[in-house]
Amino acid sequence: MTKECAVKKDILNRLKRIEGQVKGIEKMVDNEATCKEILIQIAAIRAAINKVGTLVLENYAKKCFIEEEDGKPQDKVEDLLSTLNMFIK
């Protein structure tokens, strides 16, 4: 399995896990779990989403700077910074 395939599989597995966590929160709300318990799960989902975003951004940066030979380095930096700013908003 190539590194790119492994990264893709990791991201997809994480997204499926997040989907399960969201469904779990739906059940918690339906079963009237405490606000604290729900907020803890929301924080866990937020952390998981941030990790997925970081993996995607890392993969994008590697492709942008390592695999693509065309384009000016300055343009690549600007593109990466623009993408990073969208991610952290």
PDB file of N, CA and C in Angstrom:
ATOM      1  N   MET A   1       0.862  -1.179   0.000  1.00  0.00           N
ATOM      2  CA  MET A   1       0.000   0.000   0.000  1.00  0.00           C
ATOM      3  C   MET A   1       0.904   1.237   0.000  1.00  0.00           C
ATOM      4  N   THR A   2       0.607   2.150  -0.893  1.00  0.00           N
ATOM      5  CA  THR A   2       1.404   3.370  -0.966  1.00  0.00           C
ATOM      6  C   THR A   2       1.105   4.262   0.232  1.00  0.00           C
ATOM      7  N   LYS A   3       2.028   5.183   0.479  1.00  0.00           N
ATOM      8  CA  LYS A   3       1.831   6.112   1.599  1.00  0.00           C
ATOM      9  C   LYS A   3       0.566   6.935   1.402  1.00  0.00           C
ATOM     10  N   GLU A   4       0.314   7.348   0.150  1.00  0.00           N
ATOM     11  CA  GLU A   4      -0.883   8.150  -0.143  1.00  0.00           C
ATOM     12  C   GLU A   4      -2.151   7.347   0.145  1.00  0.00           C
ATOM     13  N   CYS A   5      -2.153   6.072  -0.191  1.00  0.00           N
ATOM     14  CA  CYS A   5      -3.312   5.224   0.100  1.00  0.00           C
ATOM     15  C   CYS A   5      -3.497   5.039   1.601  1.00  0.00           C
ATOM     16  N   ALA A   6      -2.391   4.906   2.316  1.00  0.00           N
ATOM     17  CA  ALA A   6      -2.463   4.742   3.767  1.00  0.00           C
ATOM     18  C   ALA A   6      -3.034   5.998   4.420  1.00  0.00           C
ATOM     19  N   VAL A   7      -2.616   7.170   3.940  1.00  0.00           N
ATOM     20  CA  VAL A   7      -3.130   8.424   4.489  1.00  0.00           C
ATOM     21  C   VAL A   7      -4.624   8.531   4.201  1.00  0.00           C
ATOM     22  N   LYS A   8      -5.017   8.209   2.976  1.00  0.00           N
ATOM     23  CA  LYS A   8      -6.431   8.266   2.600  1.00  0.00           C
ATOM     24  C   LYS A   8      -7.258   7.322   3.474  1.00  0.00           C
ATOM     25  N   LYS A   9      -6.762   6.113   3.690  1.00  0.00           N
ATOM     26  CA  LYS A   9      -7.475   5.142   4.516  1.00  0.00           C
ATOM     27  C   LYS A   9      -7.592   5.636   5.958  1.00  0.00           C
ATOM     28  N   ASP A  10      -6.521   6.233   6.475  1.00  0.00           N
ATOM     29  CA  ASP A  10      -6.525   6.787   7.836  1.00  0.00           C
ATOM     30  C   ASP A  10      -7.576   7.888   7.951  1.00  0.00           C
ATOM     31  N   ILE A  11      -7.611   8.790   6.978  1.00  0.00           N
ATOM     32  CA  ILE A  11      -8.578   9.893   7.004  1.00  0.00           C
ATOM     33  C   ILE A  11     -10.005   9.349   6.945  1.00  0.00           C
ATOM     34  N   LEU A  12     -10.255   8.402   6.055  1.00  0.00           N
ATOM     35  CA  LEU A  12     -11.603   7.837   5.938  1.00  0.00           C
ATOM     36  C   LEU A  12     -12.031   7.121   7.222  1.00  0.00           C
ATOM     37  N   ASN A  13     -11.103   6.383   7.832  1.00  0.00           N
ATOM     38  CA  ASN A  13     -11.412   5.713   9.105  1.00  0.00           C
ATOM     39  C   ASN A  13     -11.744   6.718  10.196  1.00  0.00           C
ATOM     40  N   ARG A  14     -10.991   7.799  10.249  1.00  0.00           N
ATOM     41  CA  ARG A  14     -11.256   8.835  11.243  1.00  0.00           C
ATOM     42  C   ARG A  14     -12.623   9.485  11.013  1.00  0.00           C
ATOM     43  N   LEU A  15     -12.958   9.737   9.749  1.00  0.00           N
ATOM     44  CA  LEU A  15     -14.256  10.342   9.429  1.00  0.00           C
ATOM     45  C   LEU A  15     -15.409   9.416   9.805  1.00  0.00           C
ATOM     46  N   LYS A  16     -15.244   8.121   9.603  1.00  0.00           N
ATOM     47  CA  LYS A  16     -16.280   7.164   9.992  1.00  0.00           C
ATOM     48  C   LYS A  16     -16.451   7.140  11.509  1.00  0.00           C
ATOM     49  N   ARG A  17     -15.320   7.237  12.214  1.00  0.00           N
ATOM     50  CA  ARG A  17     -15.374   7.270  13.669  1.00  0.00           C
ATOM     51  C   ARG A  17     -16.102   8.532  14.144  1.00  0.00           C
ATOM     52  N   ILE A  18     -15.815   9.658  13.503  1.00  0.00           N
ATOM     53  CA  ILE A  18     -16.477  10.920  13.843  1.00  0.00           C
ATOM     54  C   ILE A  18     -17.974  10.810  13.583  1.00  0.00           C
ATOM     55  N   GLU A  19     -18.331  10.193  12.462  1.00  0.00           N
ATOM     56  CA  GLU A  19     -19.752   9.995  12.146  1.00  0.00           C
ATOM     57  C   GLU A  19     -20.433   9.198  13.259  1.00  0.00           C
ATOM     58  N   GLY A  20     -19.765   8.174  13.747  1.00  0.00           N
ATOM     59  CA  GLY A  20     -20.304   7.382  14.851  1.00  0.00           C
ATOM     60  C   GLY A  20     -20.442   8.204  16.126  1.00  0.00           C
ATOM     61  N   GLN A  21     -19.480   9.069  16.368  1.00  0.00           N
ATOM     62  CA  GLN A  21     -19.549   9.929  17.556  1.00  0.00           C
ATOM     63  C   GLN A  21     -20.743  10.882  17.462  1.00  0.00           C
ATOM     64  N   VAL A  22     -20.985  11.436  16.271  1.00  0.00           N
ATOM     65  CA  VAL A  22     -22.118  12.344  16.092  1.00  0.00           C
ATOM     66  C   VAL A  22     -23.426  11.601  16.332  1.00  0.00           C
ATOM     67  N   LYS A  23     -23.532  10.393  15.811  1.00  0.00           N
ATOM     68  CA  LYS A  23     -24.741   9.602  16.043  1.00  0.00           C
ATOM     69  C   LYS A  23     -24.906   9.289  17.531  1.00  0.00           C
ATOM     70  N   GLY A  24     -23.783   9.080  18.202  1.00  0.00           N
ATOM     71  CA  GLY A  24     -23.828   8.844  19.637  1.00  0.00           C
ATOM     72  C   GLY A  24     -24.364  10.058  20.391  1.00  0.00           C
ATOM     73  N   ILE A  25     -23.967  11.243  19.964  1.00  0.00           N
ATOM     74  CA  ILE A  25     -24.473  12.462  20.599  1.00  0.00           C
ATOM     75  C   ILE A  25     -25.969  12.606  20.347  1.00  0.00           C
ATOM     76  N   GLU A  26     -26.410  12.273  19.152  1.00  0.00           N
ATOM     77  CA  GLU A  26     -27.852  12.321  18.857  1.00  0.00           C
ATOM     78  C   GLU A  26     -28.616  11.446  19.839  1.00  0.00           C
ATOM     79  N   LYS A  27     -28.103  10.245  20.098  1.00  0.00           N
ATOM     80  CA  LYS A  27     -28.748   9.339  21.055  1.00  0.00           C
ATOM     81  C   LYS A  27     -28.694   9.911  22.467  1.00  0.00           C
ATOM     82  N   MET A  28     -27.566  10.537  22.803  1.00  0.00           N
ATOM     83  CA  MET A  28     -27.434  11.125  24.141  1.00  0.00           C
ATOM     84  C   MET A  28     -28.476  12.227  24.339  1.00  0.00           C
ATOM     85  N   VAL A  29     -28.666  13.064  23.319  1.00  0.00           N
ATOM     86  CA  VAL A  29     -29.665  14.134  23.409  1.00  0.00           C
ATOM     87  C   VAL A  29     -31.053  13.525  23.526  1.00  0.00           C
ATOM     88  N   ASP A  30     -31.320  12.515  22.714  1.00  0.00           N
ATOM     89  CA  ASP A  30     -32.627  11.857  22.738  1.00  0.00           C
ATOM     90  C   ASP A  30     -32.900  11.209  24.096  1.00  0.00           C
ATOM     91  N   ASN A  31     -31.843  10.670  24.703  1.00  0.00           N
ATOM     92  CA  ASN A  31     -31.982  10.011  26.010  1.00  0.00           C
ATOM     93  C   ASN A  31     -31.773  10.981  27.172  1.00  0.00           C
ATOM     94  N   GLU A  32     -31.679  12.269  26.850  1.00  0.00           N
ATOM     95  CA  GLU A  32     -31.548  13.325  27.852  1.00  0.00           C
ATOM     96  C   GLU A  32     -30.328  13.155  28.759  1.00  0.00           C
ATOM     97  N   ALA A  33     -29.182  12.902  28.129  1.00  0.00           N
ATOM     98  CA  ALA A  33     -27.926  12.844  28.879  1.00  0.00           C
ATOM     99  C   ALA A  33     -27.628  14.240  29.424  1.00  0.00           C
ATOM    100  N   THR A  34     -26.728  14.312  30.368  1.00  0.00           N
ATOM    101  CA  THR A  34     -26.407  15.620  30.946  1.00  0.00           C
ATOM    102  C   THR A  34     -25.673  16.491  29.926  1.00  0.00           C
ATOM    103  N   CYS A  35     -25.822  17.790  30.092  1.00  0.00           N
ATOM    104  CA  CYS A  35     -25.139  18.745  29.206  1.00  0.00           C
ATOM    105  C   CYS A  35     -23.630  18.522  29.253  1.00  0.00           C
ATOM    106  N   LYS A  36     -23.113  18.248  30.438  1.00  0.00           N
ATOM    107  CA  LYS A  36     -21.675  18.027  30.590  1.00  0.00           C
ATOM    108  C   LYS A  36     -21.215  16.834  29.753  1.00  0.00           C
ATOM    109  N   GLU A  37     -21.956  15.728  29.804  1.00  0.00           N
ATOM    110  CA  GLU A  37     -21.594  14.542  29.019  1.00  0.00           C
ATOM    111  C   GLU A  37     -21.623  14.841  27.520  1.00  0.00           C
ATOM    112  N   ILE A  38     -22.624  15.582  27.083  1.00  0.00           N
ATOM    113  CA  ILE A  38     -22.754  15.931  25.668  1.00  0.00           C
ATOM    114  C   ILE A  38     -21.609  16.843  25.248  1.00  0.00           C
ATOM    115  N   LEU A  39     -21.299  17.831  26.080  1.00  0.00           N
ATOM    116  CA  LEU A  39     -20.215  18.758  25.750  1.00  0.00           C
ATOM    117  C   LEU A  39     -18.864  18.047  25.685  1.00  0.00           C
ATOM    118  N   ILE A  40     -18.656  17.070  26.529  1.00  0.00           N
ATOM    119  CA  ILE A  40     -17.416  16.294  26.485  1.00  0.00           C
ATOM    120  C   ILE A  40     -17.296  15.582  25.140  1.00  0.00           C
ATOM    121  N   GLN A  41     -18.395  15.008  24.677  1.00  0.00           N
ATOM    122  CA  GLN A  41     -18.382  14.320  23.382  1.00  0.00           C
ATOM    123  C   GLN A  41     -18.197  15.304  22.216  1.00  0.00           C
ATOM    124  N   ILE A  42     -18.797  16.480  22.331  1.00  0.00           N
ATOM    125  CA  ILE A  42     -18.614  17.507  21.296  1.00  0.00           C
ATOM    126  C   ILE A  42     -17.144  17.928  21.237  1.00  0.00           C
ATOM    127  N   ALA A  43     -16.510  18.067  22.390  1.00  0.00           N
ATOM    128  CA  ALA A  43     -15.086  18.423  22.428  1.00  0.00           C
ATOM    129  C   ALA A  43     -14.242  17.326  21.777  1.00  0.00           C
ATOM    130  N   ALA A  44     -14.619  16.083  22.010  1.00  0.00           N
ATOM    131  CA  ALA A  44     -13.891  14.962  21.396  1.00  0.00           C
ATOM    132  C   ALA A  44     -14.036  14.999  19.869  1.00  0.00           C
ATOM    133  N   ILE A  45     -15.227  15.317  19.395  1.00  0.00           N
ATOM    134  CA  ILE A  45     -15.458  15.411  17.947  1.00  0.00           C
ATOM    135  C   ILE A  45     -14.656  16.576  17.367  1.00  0.00           C
ATOM    136  N   ARG A  46     -14.661  17.695  18.069  1.00  0.00           N
ATOM    137  CA  ARG A  46     -13.902  18.856  17.589  1.00  0.00           C
ATOM    138  C   ARG A  46     -12.415  18.502  17.462  1.00  0.00           C
ATOM    139  N   ALA A  47     -11.874  17.817  18.436  1.00  0.00           N
ATOM    140  CA  ALA A  47     -10.467  17.407  18.386  1.00  0.00           C
ATOM    141  C   ALA A  47     -10.222  16.445  17.226  1.00  0.00           C
ATOM    142  N   ALA A  48     -11.157  15.529  17.012  1.00  0.00           N
ATOM    143  CA  ALA A  48     -11.015  14.564  15.922  1.00  0.00           C
ATOM    144  C   ALA A  48     -11.076  15.260  14.563  1.00  0.00           C
ATOM    145  N   ILE A  49     -11.973  16.209  14.415  1.00  0.00           N
ATOM    146  CA  ILE A  49     -12.083  16.978  13.163  1.00  0.00           C
ATOM    147  C   ILE A  49     -10.802  17.773  12.925  1.00  0.00           C
ATOM    148  N   ASN A  50     -10.269  18.384  13.975  1.00  0.00           N
ATOM    149  CA  ASN A  50      -9.018  19.125  13.832  1.00  0.00           C
ATOM    150  C   ASN A  50      -7.885  18.218  13.372  1.00  0.00           C
ATOM    151  N   LYS A  51      -7.840  16.994  13.882  1.00  0.00           N
ATOM    152  CA  LYS A  51      -6.801  16.044  13.476  1.00  0.00           C
ATOM    153  C   LYS A  51      -6.963  15.679  12.004  1.00  0.00           C
ATOM    154  N   VAL A  52      -8.193  15.438  11.565  1.00  0.00           N
ATOM    155  CA  VAL A  52      -8.432  15.124  10.153  1.00  0.00           C
ATOM    156  C   VAL A  52      -8.004  16.306   9.285  1.00  0.00           C
ATOM    157  N   GLY A  53      -8.380  17.508   9.689  1.00  0.00           N
ATOM    158  CA  GLY A  53      -7.986  18.696   8.939  1.00  0.00           C
ATOM    159  C   GLY A  53      -6.480  18.843   8.864  1.00  0.00           C
ATOM    160  N   THR A  54      -5.811  18.556   9.955  1.00  0.00           N
ATOM    161  CA  THR A  54      -4.353  18.634   9.981  1.00  0.00           C
ATOM    162  C   THR A  54      -3.735  17.616   9.025  1.00  0.00           C
ATOM    163  N   LEU A  55      -4.266  16.397   9.012  1.00  0.00           N
ATOM    164  CA  LEU A  55      -3.757  15.375   8.090  1.00  0.00           C
ATOM    165  C   LEU A  55      -3.957  15.783   6.636  1.00  0.00           C
ATOM    166  N   VAL A  56      -5.130  16.332   6.327  1.00  0.00           N
ATOM    167  CA  VAL A  56      -5.402  16.767   4.956  1.00  0.00           C
ATOM    168  C   VAL A  56      -4.476  17.920   4.585  1.00  0.00           C
ATOM    169  N   LEU A  57      -4.313  18.870   5.482  1.00  0.00           N
ATOM    170  CA  LEU A  57      -3.445  20.006   5.218  1.00  0.00           C
ATOM    171  C   LEU A  57      -1.987  19.558   5.044  1.00  0.00           C
ATOM    172  N   GLU A  58      -1.554  18.641   5.878  1.00  0.00           N
ATOM    173  CA  GLU A  58      -0.197  18.103   5.783  1.00  0.00           C
ATOM    174  C   GLU A  58       0.018  17.434   4.430  1.00  0.00           C
ATOM    175  N   ASN A  59      -0.958  16.636   4.019  1.00  0.00           N
ATOM    176  CA  ASN A  59      -0.881  15.949   2.732  1.00  0.00           C
ATOM    177  C   ASN A  59      -0.850  16.963   1.587  1.00  0.00           C
ATOM    178  N   TYR A  60      -1.677  17.993   1.694  1.00  0.00           N
ATOM    179  CA  TYR A  60      -1.722  19.046   0.683  1.00  0.00           C
ATOM    180  C   TYR A  60      -0.374  19.764   0.585  1.00  0.00           C
ATOM    181  N   ALA A  61       0.202  20.098   1.717  1.00  0.00           N
ATOM    182  CA  ALA A  61       1.484  20.803   1.734  1.00  0.00           C
ATOM    183  C   ALA A  61       2.577  19.944   1.098  1.00  0.00           C
ATOM    184  N   LYS A  62       2.584  18.668   1.416  1.00  0.00           N
ATOM    185  CA  LYS A  62       3.596  17.779   0.844  1.00  0.00           C
ATOM    186  C   LYS A  62       3.440  17.690  -0.669  1.00  0.00           C
ATOM    187  N   LYS A  63       2.209  17.563  -1.137  1.00  0.00           N
ATOM    188  CA  LYS A  63       1.975  17.502  -2.581  1.00  0.00           C
ATOM    189  C   LYS A  63       2.367  18.813  -3.238  1.00  0.00           C
ATOM    190  N   CYS A  64       2.008  19.912  -2.619  1.00  0.00           N
ATOM    191  CA  CYS A  64       2.259  21.232  -3.176  1.00  0.00           C
ATOM    192  C   CYS A  64       3.755  21.510  -3.314  1.00  0.00           C
ATOM    193  N   PHE A  65       4.541  21.140  -2.309  1.00  0.00           N
ATOM    194  CA  PHE A  65       5.949  21.497  -2.299  1.00  0.00           C
ATOM    195  C   PHE A  65       6.882  20.390  -2.766  1.00  0.00           C
ATOM    196  N   ILE A  66       6.488  19.170  -2.611  1.00  0.00           N
ATOM    197  CA  ILE A  66       7.397  18.075  -2.938  1.00  0.00           C
ATOM    198  C   ILE A  66       7.100  17.463  -4.299  1.00  0.00           C
ATOM    199  N   GLU A  67       5.846  17.141  -4.557  1.00  0.00           N
ATOM    200  CA  GLU A  67       5.512  16.401  -5.772  1.00  0.00           C
ATOM    201  C   GLU A  67       5.355  17.292  -6.995  1.00  0.00           C
ATOM    202  N   GLU A  68       4.846  18.508  -6.815  1.00  0.00           N
ATOM    203  CA  GLU A  68       4.636  19.395  -7.949  1.00  0.00           C
ATOM    204  C   GLU A  68       5.885  20.217  -8.199  1.00  0.00           C
ATOM    205  N   GLU A  69       6.434  20.082  -9.376  1.00  0.00           N
ATOM    206  CA  GLU A  69       7.660  20.798  -9.721  1.00  0.00           C
ATOM    207  C   GLU A  69       7.382  22.122 -10.409  1.00  0.00           C
ATOM    208  N   ASP A  70       6.199  22.262 -11.014  1.00  0.00           N
ATOM    209  CA  ASP A  70       5.909  23.486 -11.752  1.00  0.00           C
ATOM    210  C   ASP A  70       5.423  24.585 -10.815  1.00  0.00           C
ATOM    211  N   GLY A  71       5.543  25.823 -11.240  1.00  0.00           N
ATOM    212  CA  GLY A  71       5.094  26.944 -10.421  1.00  0.00           C
ATOM    213  C   GLY A  71       6.229  27.540  -9.620  1.00  0.00           C
ATOM    214  N   LYS A  72       6.063  28.799  -9.288  1.00  0.00           N
ATOM    215  CA  LYS A  72       7.075  29.509  -8.506  1.00  0.00           C
ATOM    216  C   LYS A  72       6.911  29.166  -7.034  1.00  0.00           C
ATOM    217  N   PRO A  73       8.021  29.057  -6.304  1.00  0.00           N
ATOM    218  CA  PRO A  73       7.923  28.788  -4.855  1.00  0.00           C
ATOM    219  C   PRO A  73       7.054  29.814  -4.123  1.00  0.00           C
ATOM    220  N   GLN A  74       7.155  31.077  -4.513  1.00  0.00           N
ATOM    221  CA  GLN A  74       6.356  32.114  -3.850  1.00  0.00           C
ATOM    222  C   GLN A  74       4.864  31.862  -4.044  1.00  0.00           C
ATOM    223  N   ASP A  75       4.462  31.434  -5.254  1.00  0.00           N
ATOM    224  CA  ASP A  75       3.057  31.129  -5.521  1.00  0.00           C
ATOM    225  C   ASP A  75       2.582  29.955  -4.662  1.00  0.00           C
ATOM    226  N   LYS A  76       3.462  28.979  -4.501  1.00  0.00           N
ATOM    227  CA  LYS A  76       3.117  27.813  -3.684  1.00  0.00           C
ATOM    228  C   LYS A  76       2.921  28.213  -2.220  1.00  0.00           C
ATOM    229  N   VAL A  77       3.785  29.077  -1.739  1.00  0.00           N
ATOM    230  CA  VAL A  77       3.676  29.547  -0.355  1.00  0.00           C
ATOM    231  C   VAL A  77       2.367  30.310  -0.171  1.00  0.00           C
ATOM    232  N   GLU A  78       2.054  31.199  -1.104  1.00  0.00           N
ATOM    233  CA  GLU A  78       0.809  31.972  -1.019  1.00  0.00           C
ATOM    234  C   GLU A  78      -0.401  31.048  -1.034  1.00  0.00           C
ATOM    235  N   ASP A  79      -0.392  30.051  -1.886  1.00  0.00           N
ATOM    236  CA  ASP A  79      -1.501  29.104  -1.967  1.00  0.00           C
ATOM    237  C   ASP A  79      -1.643  28.320  -0.670  1.00  0.00           C
ATOM    238  N   LEU A  80      -0.521  27.870  -0.131  1.00  0.00           N
ATOM    239  CA  LEU A  80      -0.547  27.121   1.129  1.00  0.00           C
ATOM    240  C   LEU A  80      -1.061  27.997   2.269  1.00  0.00           C
ATOM    241  N   LEU A  81      -0.589  29.232   2.349  1.00  0.00           N
ATOM    242  CA  LEU A  81      -1.039  30.130   3.406  1.00  0.00           C
ATOM    243  C   LEU A  81      -2.526  30.446   3.292  1.00  0.00           C
ATOM    244  N   SER A  82      -3.005  30.619   2.082  1.00  0.00           N
ATOM    245  CA  SER A  82      -4.431  30.860   1.862  1.00  0.00           C
ATOM    246  C   SER A  82      -5.259  29.674   2.352  1.00  0.00           C
ATOM    247  N   THR A  83      -4.809  28.477   2.021  1.00  0.00           N
ATOM    248  CA  THR A  83      -5.508  27.266   2.448  1.00  0.00           C
ATOM    249  C   THR A  83      -5.461  27.123   3.962  1.00  0.00           C
ATOM    250  N   LEU A  84      -4.313  27.400   4.552  1.00  0.00           N
ATOM    251  CA  LEU A  84      -4.161  27.321   6.009  1.00  0.00           C
ATOM    252  C   LEU A  84      -5.098  28.310   6.697  1.00  0.00           C
ATOM    253  N   ASN A  85      -5.205  29.516   6.173  1.00  0.00           N
ATOM    254  CA  ASN A  85      -6.104  30.503   6.760  1.00  0.00           C
ATOM    255  C   ASN A  85      -7.560  30.052   6.695  1.00  0.00           C
ATOM    256  N   MET A  86      -7.955  29.411   5.610  1.00  0.00           N
ATOM    257  CA  MET A  86      -9.331  28.897   5.523  1.00  0.00           C
ATOM    258  C   MET A  86      -9.550  27.815   6.571  1.00  0.00           C
ATOM    259  N   PHE A  87      -8.548  26.991   6.787  1.00  0.00           N
ATOM    260  CA  PHE A  87      -8.663  25.882   7.727  1.00  0.00           C
ATOM    261  C   PHE A  87      -8.795  26.356   9.174  1.00  0.00           C
ATOM    262  N   ILE A  88      -8.054  27.390   9.548  1.00  0.00           N
ATOM    263  CA  ILE A  88      -8.054  27.785  10.952  1.00  0.00           C
ATOM    264  C   ILE A  88      -9.159  28.771  11.324  1.00  0.00           C
ATOM    265  N   LYS A  89      -9.918  29.243  10.363  1.00  0.00           N
ATOM    266  CA  LYS A  89     -11.018  30.168  10.670  1.00  0.00           C
ATOM    267  C   LYS A  89     -12.134  29.468  11.383  1.00  0.00           C
TER     268      LYS A  89
END
